[in-house]
Amino acid sequence: MSDAWEEIQAVKSKRNELRERLQKRRKEREDLLGGGDSTSTINLSSSSKEANKDIENCVLRILTDATLSLPSDSRIICHNVSTQIGYIVSHTIVSNLLQKFAAQELIRLVDGIQENQPVLTITHAEHARLVAMVTEDQLGNAISLKRKLEAEELALPAQTVTVKEDISKSKREKKDSKNHDVMNLLSLPSTREKENKKMGEEILDLLSKPTVKEKSLAERFRSQGGAQVKEFCAHGTKDECRKVWMSESDDGLESKWNCHRLHFRKIIQSHTDESLGDCSFLNTCFHMETCKYVHYEVDQAIKTKDDFEPGSLLGQAVVSRGESTVLYPAQWIQCDLRSLDMAILGKFSVIMADPPWDIHMELPYGTLSDDEMRQLSIPILQDEGLIFLWVTGRAMELGRECLQLWGYERVDEIIWVKTNQLQRIIRTGRTGHWLNHGKEHCLVGMKGNPRMLNRGLDCDVIVAEVRATSHKPDEMYGIIERLSPGTRKIELFGRPHNVQPNWITLGNQLDGVHLLDPDIARAYQKHYPDASAPNAK
């Protein structure tokens, strides 16, 4: 009841205000003098304002029309306005309106001249803001129309007005409730949509689960006894790690500090000047005996792979995680690959080569010319399989050319991102003409259609520490073995640190000839009775 009473009082107060306004307007009209001329002037000005308003609304509607193609000039807009209104509209009026809209940042204009007349070209229109202006104008017209109707209804009895308002209000509420119910029904998902969504979720769940084959492959190549690696501490030295821990801990007791990660220790010699900071090359520095910058070493004795002799695996068969796969110990031949008859070695599933490209730099080893690289007998070693070819600098395009010449199709590329001793990205490399090189590329080529390859086990990016010159990361051997396990593999241009189980390594820096495969040993002995490689240099 209180709500109805308040609504009645509001209607009465509104009606009284309208009556007072009407009375004031009547008095103002009666007080006007010189009625004829002034009245006509007022009528003309009001009519001109209404006409300009109609033209402005028409221009807005044309700009919001989806069929309007931009850019469009002001003459086309003027023609469309004249067609819709029914009389000729001046081009100046339309140009002024367009400039007004441009000042309001509703459109963008470009000045131009066509047929010796200035023309404005519309290049862009803010459609959403234009539609909002048209909607606001329509809403204003509706409000003004409603006010006129309310003024006319003032002459009717108060009861009639109240009844009409109640009726319109009830109709509006019913209409709103119906629209609300319809929108709720339309927003609900249909049975088909629910089924499709459920089916899509089930398919996505199935696709995200690893298959039995993927699980068996991952388990087969999992490290026995867990990963035999140790994480480096992000703070570098133990002293720095201890300081950071004490500053972040609540009690700050040094006795509770216990970091199990790997740390480094500064190498301070008599000529070291700590104020100069760290050496850019760290453990790869060529002048460590006289370098005044700070160098580092690992803070505890860790036995790495480099501590083992290359021949320590000789005479023993290395058995992988799968009992059926037996790998031969490392084999190698000291030779010059330009003159070695590679046909005696047989066929291989995987070839890896790190050629001494002629990259116009001073290197601690000899290099091969581009023509010598093209003429190598690589095609004899494979009927089908993979080749991993290391390239750098200008040799990238030459490497792709050699792959195509040898009968391979480049199918992938591995990138080695180099890090220094402190596990940071290298920014001061010794290679690179325009920019310091912090990475190297290994092209992956395929010949024929090799089978039994394990796809999707490894990534195409290796992040590993730089060691000696041209010493590639050992992670490559693990990637290749997981990709093609238990198959015959050969490495070209290898050095003593490259010898690996199940690999035959060829290179002129190796130590003699060591062959364990009886077939290869007989063929080699038959072809080279003196048991030494030809032209080893």
Protein backbone atom coordinates (compact mmCIF):
# COMPACT_ATOMS: atom_id res chain seq x y z
CA MET A 1 0.00 0.00 0.00
CA SER A 2 2.79 2.43 0.83
CA ASP A 3 4.35 1.87 -2.60
CA ALA A 4 1.05 2.62 -4.38
CA TRP A 5 0.56 5.77 -2.28
CA GLU A 6 4.03 7.01 -3.12
CA GLU A 7 3.42 6.40 -6.83
CA ILE A 8 0.13 8.36 -6.69
CA GLN A 9 1.82 11.28 -4.92
CA ALA A 10 4.63 11.29 -7.48
CA VAL A 11 2.14 11.39 -10.38
CA LYS A 12 0.24 14.28 -8.74
CA SER A 13 3.39 16.33 -8.16
CA LYS A 14 4.52 15.73 -11.73
CA ARG A 15 1.10 16.81 -13.05
CA ASN A 16 1.24 20.03 -11.00
CA GLU A 17 4.68 20.88 -12.35
CA LEU A 18 3.49 20.42 -15.93
CA ARG A 19 0.48 22.68 -15.32
CA GLU A 20 2.71 25.43 -13.93
CA ARG A 21 4.99 25.22 -16.96
CA LEU A 22 2.05 25.47 -19.38
CA GLN A 23 0.73 28.54 -17.59
CA LYS A 24 4.13 30.25 -17.75
CA ARG A 25 4.41 29.59 -21.48
CA ARG A 26 0.95 31.05 -22.09
CA LYS A 27 1.85 34.23 -20.20
CA GLU A 28 5.10 34.59 -22.16
CA ARG A 29 3.26 34.29 -25.47
CA GLU A 30 0.68 36.91 -24.45
CA ASP A 31 3.40 39.35 -23.36
CA LEU A 32 5.21 39.22 -26.71
CA LEU A 33 4.91 42.44 -28.81
CA GLY A 34 5.09 42.75 -32.65
CA GLY A 35 3.57 39.37 -33.02
CA GLY A 36 3.57 39.08 -36.87
CA ASP A 37 7.24 39.54 -37.79
CA SER A 38 8.71 38.08 -34.64
CA THR A 39 6.47 35.06 -34.78
CA SER A 40 7.44 34.34 -38.36
CA THR A 41 11.15 34.74 -37.49
CA ILE A 42 10.82 32.36 -34.56
CA ASN A 43 8.99 29.85 -36.71
CA LEU A 44 11.68 30.05 -39.41
CA SER A 45 14.52 29.59 -36.93
CA SER A 46 12.80 26.66 -35.21
CA SER A 47 11.99 25.05 -38.55
CA SER A 48 15.61 25.44 -39.74
CA LYS A 49 16.89 23.87 -36.49
CA GLU A 50 14.53 20.93 -36.94
CA ALA A 51 15.66 20.52 -40.56
CA ASN A 52 19.35 20.52 -39.54
CA LYS A 53 18.56 17.99 -36.82
CA ASP A 54 16.85 15.74 -39.36
CA ILE A 55 19.85 16.01 -41.70
CA GLU A 56 22.25 15.17 -38.85
CA ASN A 57 20.19 12.12 -37.88
CA CYS A 58 20.08 11.02 -41.52
CA VAL A 59 23.88 11.31 -41.85
CA LEU A 60 24.32 9.27 -38.66
CA ARG A 61 22.02 6.54 -39.99
CA ILE A 62 23.95 6.40 -43.27
CA LEU A 63 27.30 6.11 -41.43
CA THR A 64 25.97 3.24 -39.30
CA ASP A 65 24.66 1.40 -42.35
CA ALA A 66 26.57 -1.89 -42.74
CA THR A 67 26.36 -1.67 -46.55
CA LEU A 68 28.41 1.54 -46.61
CA SER A 69 31.88 0.75 -47.98
CA LEU A 70 34.85 2.80 -46.76
CA PRO A 71 36.60 4.93 -47.91
CA SER A 72 33.66 7.05 -49.08
CA ASP A 73 33.58 10.77 -49.94
CA SER A 74 31.20 13.51 -48.79
CA ARG A 75 29.48 13.79 -52.19
CA ILE A 76 28.15 10.23 -51.92
CA ILE A 77 26.93 10.93 -48.38
CA CYS A 78 25.23 14.15 -49.59
CA HIS A 79 23.49 12.28 -52.42
CA ASN A 80 22.23 9.55 -50.04
CA VAL A 81 20.95 12.16 -47.56
CA SER A 82 19.04 14.02 -50.30
CA THR A 83 17.51 10.74 -51.49
CA GLN A 84 16.31 9.74 -48.02
CA ILE A 85 15.01 13.18 -46.91
CA GLY A 86 13.28 14.00 -50.21
CA TYR A 87 14.88 17.34 -51.05
CA ILE A 88 18.32 18.56 -52.13
CA VAL A 89 20.75 19.10 -49.24
CA SER A 90 23.73 21.41 -49.57
CA HIS A 91 27.16 19.78 -49.76
CA THR A 92 28.43 22.41 -47.29
CA ILE A 93 25.95 21.30 -44.61
CA VAL A 94 27.00 17.66 -44.99
CA SER A 95 30.70 18.62 -44.89
CA ASN A 96 30.17 20.64 -41.70
CA LEU A 97 28.40 17.68 -40.07
CA LEU A 98 31.20 15.30 -41.08
CA GLN A 99 33.80 17.67 -39.63
CA LYS A 100 31.73 17.83 -36.43
CA PHE A 101 31.72 14.02 -36.18
CA ALA A 102 35.47 13.95 -36.88
CA ALA A 103 36.05 16.41 -34.01
CA GLN A 104 34.07 14.03 -31.78
CA GLU A 105 36.43 11.20 -32.96
CA LEU A 106 33.51 9.27 -34.46
CA ILE A 107 35.09 9.19 -37.93
CA ARG A 108 38.41 9.95 -39.62
CA LEU A 109 38.57 12.36 -42.57
CA VAL A 110 41.09 13.11 -45.30
CA ASP A 111 40.87 16.38 -47.25
CA GLY A 112 40.95 16.17 -51.03
CA ILE A 113 39.95 17.89 -54.26
CA GLN A 114 37.82 16.31 -56.98
CA GLU A 115 36.68 18.22 -60.09
CA ASN A 116 38.18 21.43 -58.63
CA GLN A 117 35.96 21.17 -55.55
CA PRO A 118 36.98 20.37 -51.96
CA VAL A 119 35.84 16.89 -50.93
CA LEU A 120 36.13 15.08 -47.59
CA THR A 121 36.97 11.36 -47.69
CA ILE A 122 35.85 9.13 -44.81
CA THR A 123 38.58 6.54 -44.18
CA HIS A 124 37.42 5.03 -40.89
CA ALA A 125 34.25 5.04 -38.76
CA GLU A 126 33.79 4.07 -35.11
CA HIS A 127 30.72 1.95 -35.76
CA ALA A 128 29.96 1.16 -32.13
CA ARG A 129 29.98 4.82 -31.05
CA LEU A 130 27.89 5.89 -34.06
CA VAL A 131 25.27 3.25 -33.25
CA ALA A 132 25.25 4.45 -29.64
CA MET A 133 24.56 8.03 -30.79
CA VAL A 134 21.71 6.91 -33.07
CA THR A 135 20.21 4.87 -30.25
CA GLU A 136 20.54 7.80 -27.83
CA ASP A 137 18.81 10.12 -30.32
CA GLN A 138 15.97 7.65 -30.81
CA LEU A 139 15.63 7.34 -27.06
CA GLY A 140 15.44 11.14 -26.74
CA ASN A 141 12.71 11.29 -29.39
CA ALA A 142 10.76 8.63 -27.54
CA ILE A 143 11.09 10.56 -24.28
CA SER A 144 9.91 13.81 -25.89
CA LEU A 145 6.95 12.00 -27.45
CA LYS A 146 6.09 10.53 -24.09
CA ARG A 147 6.16 13.98 -22.50
CA LYS A 148 3.79 15.32 -25.16
CA LEU A 149 1.38 12.48 -24.49
CA GLU A 150 1.55 13.13 -20.77
CA ALA A 151 0.81 16.83 -21.34
CA GLU A 152 -2.24 15.91 -23.41
CA GLU A 153 -3.44 13.54 -20.74
CA LEU A 154 -3.46 16.35 -18.16
CA ALA A 155 -6.84 17.42 -19.46
CA LEU A 156 -8.34 14.04 -18.60
CA PRO A 157 -9.62 13.24 -15.13
CA ALA A 158 -7.04 12.05 -12.64
CA GLN A 159 -8.75 8.69 -12.25
CA THR A 160 -8.55 7.97 -15.99
CA VAL A 161 -4.83 8.77 -16.02
CA THR A 162 -4.21 6.54 -13.03
CA VAL A 163 -6.12 3.67 -14.61
CA LYS A 164 -4.17 4.01 -17.86
CA GLU A 165 -0.88 4.06 -16.00
CA ASP A 166 -1.82 0.98 -14.03
CA ILE A 167 -2.87 -0.83 -17.20
CA SER A 168 0.31 0.12 -19.08
CA LYS A 169 2.41 -0.82 -16.07
CA SER A 170 0.77 -4.23 -15.76
CA LYS A 171 1.17 -4.84 -19.50
CA ARG A 172 4.82 -3.84 -19.30
CA GLU A 173 5.48 -6.15 -16.38
CA LYS A 174 3.78 -9.05 -18.16
CA LYS A 175 5.76 -8.39 -21.32
CA ASP A 176 9.03 -8.14 -19.38
CA SER A 177 8.32 -11.38 -17.55
CA LYS A 178 7.53 -13.15 -20.83
CA ASN A 179 10.72 -11.83 -22.44
CA HIS A 180 12.72 -12.89 -19.40
CA ASP A 181 11.30 -16.41 -19.53
CA VAL A 182 11.99 -16.69 -23.26
CA MET A 183 15.59 -15.51 -22.83
CA ASN A 184 16.14 -18.04 -20.04
CA LEU A 185 14.85 -20.82 -22.26
CA LEU A 186 17.02 -19.72 -25.18
CA SER A 187 20.14 -19.51 -23.00
CA LEU A 188 19.78 -23.09 -21.76
CA PRO A 189 21.91 -25.63 -23.71
CA SER A 190 20.00 -28.10 -25.80
CA THR A 191 20.26 -31.87 -25.44
CA ARG A 192 22.38 -32.12 -28.58
CA GLU A 193 24.74 -29.43 -27.32
CA LYS A 194 25.11 -31.27 -24.01
CA GLU A 195 25.87 -34.54 -25.81
CA ASN A 196 28.40 -32.88 -28.14
CA LYS A 197 30.13 -31.19 -25.20
CA LYS A 198 30.31 -34.44 -23.26
CA MET A 199 31.66 -36.30 -26.29
CA GLY A 200 34.28 -33.59 -26.91
CA GLU A 201 35.45 -33.76 -23.29
CA GLU A 202 35.76 -37.55 -23.51
CA ILE A 203 37.76 -37.33 -26.77
CA LEU A 204 40.06 -34.67 -25.29
CA ASP A 205 40.59 -36.81 -22.20
CA LEU A 206 41.48 -39.83 -24.35
CA LEU A 207 43.87 -37.84 -26.54
CA SER A 208 45.67 -36.34 -23.54
CA LYS A 209 46.39 -39.75 -21.99
CA PRO A 210 49.63 -41.45 -23.12
CA THR A 211 49.22 -44.67 -25.05
CA VAL A 212 50.61 -48.02 -23.91
CA LYS A 213 53.37 -47.73 -26.51
CA GLU A 214 54.34 -44.26 -25.31
CA LYS A 215 54.40 -45.47 -21.70
CA SER A 216 56.56 -48.48 -22.57
CA LEU A 217 58.99 -46.31 -24.56
CA ALA A 218 59.29 -43.79 -21.74
CA GLU A 219 59.84 -46.59 -19.21
CA ARG A 220 62.39 -48.28 -21.47
CA PHE A 221 64.60 -45.20 -21.67
CA ARG A 222 64.13 -44.09 -18.06
CA SER A 223 67.40 -43.82 -16.13
CA GLN A 224 67.99 -46.78 -13.83
CA GLY A 225 68.00 -45.70 -10.20
CA GLY A 226 66.68 -42.25 -11.08
CA ALA A 227 68.34 -39.33 -12.80
CA GLN A 228 72.06 -39.17 -11.97
CA VAL A 229 72.24 -35.40 -12.08
CA LYS A 230 72.55 -32.64 -9.52
CA GLU A 231 70.97 -29.21 -9.82
CA PHE A 232 73.09 -26.05 -9.77
CA CYS A 233 72.25 -23.43 -7.17
CA ALA A 234 70.96 -20.20 -8.67
CA HIS A 235 73.09 -18.13 -6.27
CA GLY A 236 76.43 -19.50 -7.50
CA THR A 237 78.75 -19.75 -4.50
CA LYS A 238 77.95 -21.09 -1.04
CA ASP A 239 78.66 -17.73 0.59
CA GLU A 240 76.17 -15.94 -1.65
CA CYS A 241 73.58 -18.68 -1.14
CA ARG A 242 74.03 -18.45 2.65
CA LYS A 243 73.62 -14.65 2.63
CA VAL A 244 70.41 -14.82 0.60
CA TRP A 245 68.99 -17.55 2.85
CA MET A 246 69.75 -15.59 6.03
CA SER A 247 68.18 -12.40 4.64
CA GLU A 248 64.98 -14.25 3.69
CA SER A 249 64.62 -16.52 6.74
CA ASP A 250 62.77 -15.47 9.90
CA ASP A 251 65.31 -16.46 12.55
CA GLY A 252 68.40 -15.89 10.37
CA LEU A 253 70.45 -18.62 12.06
CA GLU A 254 73.41 -19.63 9.93
CA SER A 255 73.49 -23.09 11.50
CA LYS A 256 70.15 -23.99 9.88
CA TRP A 257 71.34 -23.22 6.36
CA ASN A 258 71.52 -26.44 4.33
CA CYS A 259 71.48 -26.21 0.53
CA HIS A 260 71.94 -29.54 -1.29
CA ARG A 261 72.41 -28.01 -4.72
CA LEU A 262 75.72 -27.77 -6.53
CA HIS A 263 77.82 -24.64 -5.85
CA PHE A 264 80.93 -23.04 -7.31
CA ARG A 265 84.11 -21.84 -5.59
CA LYS A 266 86.16 -18.83 -6.69
CA ILE A 267 89.70 -19.49 -7.87
CA ILE A 268 91.73 -16.68 -6.31
CA GLN A 269 95.37 -16.58 -7.43
CA SER A 270 98.14 -14.08 -6.76
CA HIS A 271 97.39 -12.14 -9.96
CA THR A 272 93.56 -12.20 -9.55
CA ASP A 273 91.81 -8.85 -9.08
CA GLU A 274 88.30 -9.48 -7.71
CA SER A 275 87.24 -5.89 -8.42
CA LEU A 276 87.37 -6.65 -12.17
CA GLY A 277 84.59 -9.24 -11.84
CA ASP A 278 84.14 -12.58 -13.58
CA CYS A 279 86.06 -13.59 -16.68
CA SER A 280 83.90 -13.62 -19.81
CA PHE A 281 85.23 -17.04 -20.88
CA LEU A 282 85.44 -18.62 -17.37
CA ASN A 283 86.74 -22.21 -17.67
CA THR A 284 87.31 -21.87 -21.45
CA CYS A 285 89.77 -19.00 -20.99
CA PHE A 286 93.00 -19.59 -22.93
CA HIS A 287 95.12 -17.49 -20.53
CA MET A 288 93.93 -18.63 -17.12
CA GLU A 289 97.49 -18.59 -15.73
CA THR A 290 97.76 -14.83 -16.27
CA CYS A 291 94.11 -13.70 -16.47
CA LYS A 292 93.30 -11.15 -13.74
CA TYR A 293 89.56 -11.82 -13.80
CA VAL A 294 87.80 -14.23 -11.41
CA HIS A 295 87.45 -17.89 -12.43
CA TYR A 296 85.45 -20.69 -10.78
CA GLU A 297 85.54 -24.39 -10.05
CA VAL A 298 82.96 -26.81 -8.67
CA ASP A 299 82.85 -26.64 -4.87
CA GLN A 300 82.88 -30.39 -4.38
CA ALA A 301 84.47 -33.35 -6.09
CA ILE A 302 82.04 -34.59 -8.75
CA LYS A 303 83.14 -37.38 -11.03
CA THR A 304 81.94 -36.43 -14.50
CA LYS A 305 81.98 -38.29 -17.76
CA ASP A 306 85.15 -36.51 -18.85
CA ASP A 307 87.03 -38.23 -15.98
CA PHE A 308 86.67 -41.65 -17.66
CA GLU A 309 89.10 -42.86 -20.28
CA PRO A 310 87.60 -43.44 -23.74
CA GLY A 311 88.86 -47.02 -23.80
CA SER A 312 87.57 -48.02 -20.37
CA LEU A 313 84.55 -49.76 -21.95
CA LEU A 314 86.61 -51.97 -24.27
CA GLY A 315 86.15 -55.70 -23.95
CA GLN A 316 82.74 -55.35 -22.27
CA ALA A 317 79.29 -55.49 -23.87
CA VAL A 318 77.03 -52.70 -22.70
CA VAL A 319 73.47 -53.92 -22.08
CA SER A 320 70.65 -51.39 -22.22
CA ARG A 321 67.48 -51.39 -20.10
CA GLY A 322 65.80 -53.75 -22.56
CA GLU A 323 67.42 -57.19 -22.20
CA SER A 324 67.13 -57.89 -25.96
CA THR A 325 69.30 -54.90 -27.02
CA VAL A 326 73.07 -55.38 -26.80
CA LEU A 327 75.41 -52.55 -27.75
CA TYR A 328 78.95 -53.05 -29.05
CA PRO A 329 81.72 -51.18 -27.27
CA ALA A 330 83.19 -48.15 -28.98
CA GLN A 331 85.11 -48.66 -32.26
CA TRP A 332 87.19 -46.18 -34.23
CA ILE A 333 89.46 -45.76 -37.25
CA GLN A 334 92.15 -43.11 -37.64
CA CYS A 335 91.91 -42.02 -41.26
CA ASP A 336 91.46 -39.25 -43.79
CA LEU A 337 87.81 -39.37 -44.86
CA ARG A 338 88.66 -37.96 -48.28
CA SER A 339 90.56 -41.14 -49.26
CA LEU A 340 88.97 -43.89 -47.10
CA ASP A 341 86.90 -46.49 -48.96
CA MET A 342 83.72 -46.32 -46.84
CA ALA A 343 82.09 -49.23 -48.69
CA ILE A 344 83.97 -51.71 -46.46
CA LEU A 345 82.11 -50.43 -43.38
CA GLY A 346 78.65 -51.57 -44.50
CA LYS A 347 75.35 -49.77 -44.02
CA PHE A 348 74.31 -47.67 -41.04
CA SER A 349 70.98 -46.46 -39.67
CA VAL A 350 72.33 -43.17 -38.31
CA ILE A 351 75.17 -40.91 -39.43
CA MET A 352 76.42 -37.95 -37.43
CA ALA A 353 79.03 -35.56 -38.80
CA ASP A 354 80.74 -32.49 -37.40
CA PRO A 355 82.76 -31.40 -40.47
CA PRO A 356 85.66 -28.94 -40.25
CA TRP A 357 83.92 -26.35 -42.42
CA ASP A 358 86.07 -23.62 -43.92
CA ILE A 359 84.49 -20.68 -42.03
CA HIS A 360 87.40 -18.23 -42.57
CA MET A 361 88.61 -18.36 -38.97
CA GLU A 362 91.84 -19.45 -37.30
CA LEU A 363 91.08 -22.93 -35.95
CA PRO A 364 93.26 -25.45 -34.06
CA TYR A 365 92.59 -28.10 -36.76
CA GLY A 366 92.59 -28.41 -40.54
CA THR A 367 89.53 -27.64 -42.63
CA LEU A 368 87.93 -29.00 -45.81
CA SER A 369 86.98 -26.91 -48.79
CA ASP A 370 83.41 -26.74 -50.03
CA ASP A 371 84.14 -29.02 -53.02
CA GLU A 372 85.85 -31.60 -50.80
CA MET A 373 82.74 -31.70 -48.60
CA ARG A 374 80.48 -32.23 -51.61
CA GLN A 375 82.64 -35.11 -52.91
CA LEU A 376 82.64 -37.18 -49.69
CA SER A 377 81.32 -40.74 -50.08
CA ILE A 378 78.44 -40.23 -47.66
CA PRO A 379 75.74 -41.87 -49.89
CA ILE A 380 77.57 -45.24 -49.72
CA LEU A 381 76.98 -45.50 -45.96
CA GLN A 382 73.16 -45.53 -46.09
CA ASP A 383 70.30 -46.87 -48.16
CA GLU A 384 67.77 -45.39 -45.77
CA GLY A 385 68.14 -43.70 -42.42
CA LEU A 386 68.95 -40.42 -40.70
CA ILE A 387 71.89 -38.04 -40.85
CA PHE A 388 72.75 -35.40 -38.25
CA LEU A 389 74.95 -32.68 -39.77
CA TRP A 390 76.41 -29.92 -37.58
CA VAL A 391 76.62 -26.53 -39.32
CA THR A 392 77.50 -23.01 -38.25
CA GLY A 393 77.76 -19.55 -39.77
CA ARG A 394 77.95 -19.53 -43.55
CA ALA A 395 78.02 -23.36 -43.61
CA MET A 396 74.26 -23.51 -42.97
CA GLU A 397 73.36 -23.10 -46.63
CA LEU A 398 76.26 -25.29 -47.74
CA GLY A 399 75.09 -28.01 -45.35
CA ARG A 400 71.59 -27.94 -46.85
CA GLU A 401 73.13 -28.15 -50.32
CA CYS A 402 75.26 -31.15 -49.31
CA LEU A 403 72.23 -32.96 -47.84
CA GLN A 404 70.35 -32.55 -51.09
CA LEU A 405 73.41 -33.61 -53.11
CA TRP A 406 73.87 -36.76 -50.99
CA GLY A 407 70.22 -37.77 -51.44
CA TYR A 408 68.70 -36.56 -48.17
CA GLU A 409 65.63 -34.49 -47.39
CA ARG A 410 65.98 -32.05 -44.49
CA VAL A 411 63.19 -32.98 -42.06
CA ASP A 412 64.19 -31.23 -38.83
CA GLU A 413 66.78 -29.09 -37.08
CA ILE A 414 68.28 -29.28 -33.59
CA ILE A 415 69.53 -26.11 -31.89
CA TRP A 416 72.23 -26.18 -29.23
CA VAL A 417 71.93 -23.14 -26.93
CA LYS A 418 75.34 -22.63 -25.36
CA THR A 419 75.81 -21.86 -21.66
CA ASN A 420 78.96 -21.03 -19.76
CA GLN A 421 80.41 -22.66 -16.65
CA LEU A 422 77.95 -20.78 -14.40
CA GLN A 423 75.00 -22.07 -16.49
CA ARG A 424 74.29 -18.66 -18.03
CA ILE A 425 73.66 -17.80 -21.67
CA ILE A 426 76.87 -16.94 -23.52
CA ARG A 427 77.00 -13.33 -24.73
CA THR A 428 80.69 -13.01 -25.61
CA GLY A 429 81.34 -15.95 -27.91
CA ARG A 430 84.48 -16.25 -30.02
CA THR A 431 82.51 -16.89 -33.24
CA GLY A 432 80.25 -14.69 -35.29
CA HIS A 433 81.04 -11.88 -37.72
CA TRP A 434 78.19 -9.44 -37.01
CA LEU A 435 76.75 -10.87 -33.78
CA ASN A 436 78.29 -13.11 -31.13
CA HIS A 437 77.07 -16.64 -31.75
CA GLY A 438 75.40 -18.23 -28.72
CA LYS A 439 74.04 -21.32 -30.48
CA GLU A 440 74.78 -23.94 -33.13
CA HIS A 441 72.54 -25.84 -35.52
CA CYS A 442 72.38 -29.52 -36.39
CA LEU A 443 70.48 -30.32 -39.59
CA VAL A 444 68.50 -33.58 -39.56
CA GLY A 445 68.16 -35.28 -42.95
CA MET A 446 66.25 -38.41 -43.93
CA LYS A 447 66.86 -40.83 -46.79
CA GLY A 448 64.18 -43.28 -47.87
CA ASN A 449 61.54 -44.38 -45.37
CA PRO A 450 63.30 -45.72 -42.25
CA ARG A 451 61.16 -47.71 -39.84
CA MET A 452 61.31 -48.41 -36.11
CA LEU A 453 61.93 -44.77 -35.18
CA ASN A 454 60.63 -43.54 -31.82
CA ARG A 455 58.92 -40.25 -32.51
CA GLY A 456 58.15 -37.53 -29.98
CA LEU A 457 60.48 -38.59 -27.15
CA ASP A 458 62.85 -35.60 -27.20
CA CYS A 459 62.85 -31.87 -27.89
CA ASP A 460 64.71 -30.09 -30.71
CA VAL A 461 66.54 -27.72 -28.33
CA ILE A 462 69.61 -28.64 -26.26
CA VAL A 463 70.81 -26.31 -23.49
CA ALA A 464 74.31 -27.42 -22.54
CA GLU A 465 77.63 -26.07 -21.34
CA VAL A 466 80.43 -25.16 -23.75
CA ARG A 467 83.63 -27.14 -23.38
CA ALA A 468 86.65 -27.37 -25.69
CA THR A 469 86.64 -26.01 -29.23
CA SER A 470 84.13 -27.87 -31.44
CA HIS A 471 83.19 -30.18 -28.55
CA LYS A 472 79.50 -30.88 -29.15
CA PRO A 473 77.12 -31.74 -26.27
CA ASP A 474 76.97 -35.38 -25.19
CA GLU A 475 73.17 -35.10 -25.01
CA MET A 476 73.11 -35.72 -28.79
CA TYR A 477 74.06 -39.37 -28.28
CA GLY A 478 71.13 -39.92 -25.91
CA ILE A 479 68.70 -38.25 -28.31
CA ILE A 480 69.91 -40.38 -31.24
CA GLU A 481 69.91 -43.62 -29.21
CA ARG A 482 66.34 -43.03 -28.03
CA LEU A 483 65.26 -42.17 -31.58
CA SER A 484 66.85 -45.27 -33.12
CA PRO A 485 67.80 -47.72 -30.34
CA GLY A 486 70.14 -50.66 -30.93
CA THR A 487 70.98 -49.79 -34.58
CA ARG A 488 74.37 -49.30 -36.26
CA LYS A 489 75.66 -45.75 -36.05
CA ILE A 490 78.71 -43.98 -37.42
CA GLU A 491 80.26 -40.61 -36.58
CA LEU A 492 82.44 -38.75 -39.08
CA PHE A 493 85.22 -36.29 -38.20
CA GLY A 494 85.23 -37.57 -34.62
CA ARG A 495 87.88 -37.05 -31.95
CA PRO A 496 88.89 -39.16 -28.91
CA HIS A 497 86.13 -37.71 -26.74
CA ASN A 498 83.51 -38.74 -29.33
CA VAL A 499 83.92 -42.53 -29.13
CA GLN A 500 80.68 -44.11 -27.88
CA PRO A 501 79.24 -47.63 -27.45
CA ASN A 502 77.52 -48.92 -30.61
CA TRP A 503 79.22 -46.19 -32.65
CA ILE A 504 82.06 -46.39 -35.18
CA THR A 505 84.03 -43.15 -35.15
CA LEU A 506 86.13 -41.96 -38.10
CA GLY A 507 88.63 -39.10 -37.91
CA ASN A 508 92.26 -38.11 -38.34
CA GLN A 509 92.75 -37.21 -34.64
CA LEU A 510 91.92 -40.67 -33.25
CA ASP A 511 94.45 -43.13 -31.84
CA GLY A 512 95.05 -45.88 -34.39
CA VAL A 513 92.46 -48.46 -35.46
CA HIS A 514 90.22 -50.35 -33.06
CA LEU A 515 87.56 -52.62 -34.62
CA LEU A 516 85.62 -55.30 -32.69
CA ASP A 517 82.98 -56.22 -35.28
CA PRO A 518 84.50 -59.29 -37.01
CA ASP A 519 82.93 -58.57 -40.40
CA ILE A 520 84.22 -55.01 -40.49
CA ALA A 521 87.62 -56.09 -39.15
CA ARG A 522 88.02 -58.73 -41.91
CA ALA A 523 86.90 -56.33 -44.64
CA TYR A 524 89.23 -53.62 -43.38
CA GLN A 525 92.19 -56.02 -43.05
CA LYS A 526 91.56 -57.31 -46.57
CA HIS A 527 91.39 -53.82 -48.06
CA TYR A 528 94.27 -52.41 -45.99
CA PRO A 529 96.68 -55.28 -45.22
CA ASP A 530 99.07 -53.02 -43.34
CA ALA A 531 96.26 -52.50 -40.73
CA SER A 532 96.60 -48.73 -40.81
CA ALA A 533 94.25 -46.26 -42.37
CA PRO A 534 95.25 -44.60 -45.64
CA ASN A 535 96.69 -41.13 -45.59
CA ALA A 536 95.97 -40.50 -41.91
CA LYS A 537 96.91 -36.94 -41.10
